[in-house]
Amino acid sequence: MEKLRFTHQTRKVWIPLTKELKKIYLDECENVQFGDQYLDEINNEIKLSSNKYSTEIEDKNFGKIAERFLLENFSGKT
């Protein structure tokens, strides 16, 4: 099993529940809950670039785009 190397990288883990944990986290229909609150799975998928150079190129391109949208000093004269 590889370690997580990048920020925002996640791994799904399945943990077998003991009888005691099932009493705490599952209701009679085996819905996941804690206390009186039902728990939902959060699915945050962040796509990581496989090529570290592509993000550097994208950053430079955004800089060029921003330069094109800069306005000259506005004098108010028409």
N, C-alpha and C. Protein backbone atom coordinates (compact mmCIF):
# COMPACT_ATOMS: atom_id res chain seq x y z
N MET A 1 0.84 -1.16 0.00
CA MET A 1 0.00 0.00 0.00
C MET A 1 0.89 1.23 0.00
N GLU A 2 0.63 2.16 -0.93
CA GLU A 2 1.42 3.37 -1.01
C GLU A 2 0.92 4.41 -0.02
N LYS A 3 1.81 5.31 0.36
CA LYS A 3 1.42 6.39 1.26
C LYS A 3 0.81 7.53 0.45
N LEU A 4 0.07 8.38 1.13
CA LEU A 4 -0.48 9.57 0.49
C LEU A 4 0.64 10.60 0.39
N ARG A 5 0.82 11.15 -0.80
CA ARG A 5 1.97 12.03 -1.02
C ARG A 5 1.60 13.49 -1.26
N PHE A 6 0.38 13.74 -1.69
CA PHE A 6 0.02 15.09 -2.10
C PHE A 6 -1.08 15.64 -1.21
N THR A 7 -1.15 16.95 -1.11
CA THR A 7 -2.22 17.63 -0.39
C THR A 7 -3.55 17.29 -1.05
N HIS A 8 -4.58 17.11 -0.28
CA HIS A 8 -5.94 16.80 -0.73
C HIS A 8 -6.07 15.39 -1.32
N GLN A 9 -5.05 14.56 -1.22
CA GLN A 9 -5.15 13.20 -1.70
C GLN A 9 -5.87 12.38 -0.63
N THR A 10 -6.78 11.54 -1.04
CA THR A 10 -7.56 10.76 -0.07
C THR A 10 -7.49 9.28 -0.40
N ARG A 11 -7.92 8.49 0.54
CA ARG A 11 -7.99 7.04 0.36
C ARG A 11 -9.24 6.56 1.07
N LYS A 12 -9.97 5.66 0.44
CA LYS A 12 -11.14 5.08 1.08
C LYS A 12 -10.70 3.90 1.93
N VAL A 13 -11.25 3.83 3.13
CA VAL A 13 -10.88 2.78 4.06
C VAL A 13 -12.15 2.11 4.57
N TRP A 14 -12.15 0.81 4.61
CA TRP A 14 -13.28 0.06 5.17
C TRP A 14 -12.82 -0.56 6.48
N ILE A 15 -13.56 -0.27 7.53
CA ILE A 15 -13.20 -0.76 8.85
C ILE A 15 -14.30 -1.69 9.32
N PRO A 16 -13.98 -2.95 9.61
CA PRO A 16 -15.01 -3.85 10.13
C PRO A 16 -15.44 -3.40 11.52
N LEU A 17 -16.75 -3.35 11.75
CA LEU A 17 -17.27 -2.89 13.04
C LEU A 17 -17.47 -4.06 13.99
N THR A 18 -17.03 -3.88 15.20
CA THR A 18 -17.30 -4.87 16.23
C THR A 18 -18.76 -4.72 16.67
N LYS A 19 -19.26 -5.64 17.46
CA LYS A 19 -20.64 -5.56 17.94
C LYS A 19 -20.87 -4.27 18.72
N GLU A 20 -19.88 -3.86 19.51
CA GLU A 20 -20.02 -2.63 20.29
C GLU A 20 -20.10 -1.40 19.39
N LEU A 21 -19.27 -1.35 18.34
CA LEU A 21 -19.30 -0.22 17.41
C LEU A 21 -20.60 -0.21 16.60
N LYS A 22 -21.10 -1.40 16.25
CA LYS A 22 -22.37 -1.47 15.52
C LYS A 22 -23.50 -0.89 16.36
N LYS A 23 -23.48 -1.13 17.66
CA LYS A 23 -24.51 -0.57 18.54
C LYS A 23 -24.44 0.95 18.56
N ILE A 24 -23.23 1.49 18.47
CA ILE A 24 -23.05 2.94 18.53
C ILE A 24 -23.40 3.60 17.19
N TYR A 25 -22.95 3.01 16.07
CA TYR A 25 -23.01 3.69 14.79
C TYR A 25 -24.08 3.19 13.82
N LEU A 26 -24.78 2.10 14.12
CA LEU A 26 -25.80 1.60 13.21
C LEU A 26 -27.14 1.52 13.92
N ASP A 27 -28.22 1.88 13.17
CA ASP A 27 -29.55 1.71 13.75
C ASP A 27 -30.04 0.30 13.42
N GLU A 28 -31.31 0.02 13.71
CA GLU A 28 -31.84 -1.34 13.49
C GLU A 28 -31.87 -1.73 12.02
N CYS A 29 -31.88 -0.76 11.10
CA CYS A 29 -31.85 -1.05 9.65
C CYS A 29 -30.43 -0.94 9.08
N GLU A 30 -29.45 -0.82 9.95
CA GLU A 30 -28.04 -0.69 9.60
C GLU A 30 -27.72 0.58 8.82
N ASN A 31 -28.48 1.66 9.08
CA ASN A 31 -28.12 2.98 8.58
C ASN A 31 -27.07 3.56 9.50
N VAL A 32 -26.10 4.24 8.92
CA VAL A 32 -25.02 4.81 9.72
C VAL A 32 -25.54 6.07 10.42
N GLN A 33 -25.35 6.11 11.73
CA GLN A 33 -25.79 7.26 12.52
C GLN A 33 -24.89 7.43 13.73
N PHE A 34 -24.97 8.61 14.32
CA PHE A 34 -24.29 8.87 15.58
C PHE A 34 -25.28 9.62 16.45
N GLY A 35 -25.67 9.02 17.53
CA GLY A 35 -26.73 9.59 18.35
C GLY A 35 -28.03 9.57 17.55
N ASP A 36 -28.68 10.71 17.45
CA ASP A 36 -29.92 10.81 16.67
C ASP A 36 -29.68 11.36 15.27
N GLN A 37 -28.43 11.55 14.88
CA GLN A 37 -28.10 12.14 13.58
C GLN A 37 -27.65 11.05 12.60
N TYR A 38 -28.34 11.00 11.44
CA TYR A 38 -27.89 10.09 10.39
C TYR A 38 -26.69 10.69 9.69
N LEU A 39 -25.73 9.85 9.38
CA LEU A 39 -24.49 10.31 8.76
C LEU A 39 -24.51 10.00 7.27
N ASP A 40 -24.04 10.95 6.47
CA ASP A 40 -23.94 10.78 5.03
C ASP A 40 -22.48 10.66 4.63
N GLU A 41 -22.26 9.95 3.55
CA GLU A 41 -20.91 9.86 3.01
C GLU A 41 -20.61 11.16 2.28
N ILE A 42 -19.46 11.71 2.54
CA ILE A 42 -19.03 12.92 1.84
C ILE A 42 -18.08 12.48 0.74
N ASN A 43 -18.40 12.88 -0.47
CA ASN A 43 -17.60 12.46 -1.61
C ASN A 43 -16.99 13.70 -2.26
N ASN A 44 -15.84 14.10 -1.76
CA ASN A 44 -15.12 15.23 -2.32
C ASN A 44 -14.01 14.69 -3.20
N GLU A 45 -14.20 14.79 -4.49
CA GLU A 45 -13.17 14.30 -5.40
C GLU A 45 -12.42 15.49 -5.97
N ILE A 46 -11.14 15.48 -5.79
CA ILE A 46 -10.29 16.53 -6.33
C ILE A 46 -9.35 15.87 -7.32
N LYS A 47 -9.38 16.35 -8.54
CA LYS A 47 -8.52 15.78 -9.56
C LYS A 47 -7.14 16.40 -9.45
N LEU A 48 -6.16 15.56 -9.27
CA LEU A 48 -4.78 16.02 -9.18
C LEU A 48 -4.13 15.88 -10.54
N SER A 49 -3.32 16.82 -10.88
CA SER A 49 -2.61 16.77 -12.14
C SER A 49 -1.52 15.71 -12.06
N SER A 50 -1.45 14.87 -13.08
CA SER A 50 -0.41 13.85 -13.09
C SER A 50 0.93 14.44 -13.50
N ASN A 51 0.89 15.63 -14.07
CA ASN A 51 2.11 16.27 -14.53
C ASN A 51 2.29 17.59 -13.79
N LYS A 52 3.32 17.69 -12.97
CA LYS A 52 3.51 18.90 -12.17
C LYS A 52 3.80 20.12 -13.03
N TYR A 53 4.29 19.91 -14.25
CA TYR A 53 4.61 21.03 -15.11
C TYR A 53 3.37 21.66 -15.72
N SER A 54 2.31 20.91 -15.88
CA SER A 54 1.10 21.46 -16.49
C SER A 54 0.50 22.56 -15.62
N THR A 55 0.57 22.44 -14.30
CA THR A 55 0.02 23.48 -13.43
C THR A 55 0.86 24.75 -13.52
N GLU A 56 2.17 24.60 -13.68
CA GLU A 56 3.02 25.78 -13.83
C GLU A 56 2.68 26.51 -15.12
N ILE A 57 2.44 25.77 -16.19
CA ILE A 57 2.08 26.38 -17.47
C ILE A 57 0.73 27.08 -17.35
N GLU A 58 -0.22 26.44 -16.68
CA GLU A 58 -1.54 27.05 -16.50
C GLU A 58 -1.42 28.35 -15.72
N ASP A 59 -0.59 28.39 -14.68
CA ASP A 59 -0.40 29.62 -13.91
C ASP A 59 0.14 30.74 -14.79
N LYS A 60 1.08 30.43 -15.63
CA LYS A 60 1.65 31.44 -16.52
C LYS A 60 0.60 31.93 -17.50
N ASN A 61 -0.21 31.03 -18.03
CA ASN A 61 -1.24 31.42 -18.97
C ASN A 61 -2.25 32.35 -18.30
N PHE A 62 -2.60 32.12 -17.04
CA PHE A 62 -3.52 33.00 -16.34
C PHE A 62 -2.91 34.40 -16.19
N GLY A 63 -1.62 34.46 -15.98
CA GLY A 63 -0.95 35.76 -15.89
C GLY A 63 -1.06 36.53 -17.19
N LYS A 64 -0.87 35.85 -18.31
CA LYS A 64 -0.98 36.50 -19.62
C LYS A 64 -2.40 36.96 -19.87
N ILE A 65 -3.36 36.14 -19.49
CA ILE A 65 -4.76 36.50 -19.68
C ILE A 65 -5.10 37.72 -18.85
N ALA A 66 -4.63 37.76 -17.61
CA ALA A 66 -4.91 38.90 -16.72
C ALA A 66 -4.32 40.19 -17.30
N GLU A 67 -3.14 40.12 -17.90
CA GLU A 67 -2.51 41.30 -18.49
C GLU A 67 -3.37 41.87 -19.61
N ARG A 68 -4.00 41.01 -20.39
CA ARG A 68 -4.83 41.47 -21.50
C ARG A 68 -6.05 42.24 -21.01
N PHE A 69 -6.51 41.95 -19.80
CA PHE A 69 -7.71 42.58 -19.29
C PHE A 69 -7.44 43.82 -18.45
N LEU A 70 -6.19 44.19 -18.27
CA LEU A 70 -5.87 45.41 -17.53
C LEU A 70 -6.24 46.62 -18.36
N LEU A 71 -6.88 47.59 -17.75
CA LEU A 71 -7.27 48.81 -18.44
C LEU A 71 -6.21 49.89 -18.24
N GLU A 72 -6.06 50.72 -19.24
CA GLU A 72 -5.17 51.87 -19.11
C GLU A 72 -5.82 52.85 -18.15
N ASN A 73 -5.05 53.85 -17.70
CA ASN A 73 -5.60 54.87 -16.81
C ASN A 73 -6.82 55.52 -17.46
N PHE A 74 -7.87 55.66 -16.71
CA PHE A 74 -9.11 56.22 -17.22
C PHE A 74 -9.13 57.71 -16.92
N SER A 75 -9.21 58.52 -17.97
CA SER A 75 -9.17 59.97 -17.79
C SER A 75 -10.57 60.57 -17.67
N GLY A 76 -11.59 59.89 -18.12
CA GLY A 76 -12.96 60.41 -18.07
C GLY A 76 -13.30 61.25 -19.29
N LYS A 77 -12.35 61.48 -20.18
CA LYS A 77 -12.61 62.25 -21.40
C LYS A 77 -13.02 61.29 -22.51
N THR A 78 -13.92 61.74 -23.37
CA THR A 78 -14.35 60.91 -24.49
C THR A 78 -13.76 61.36 -25.78
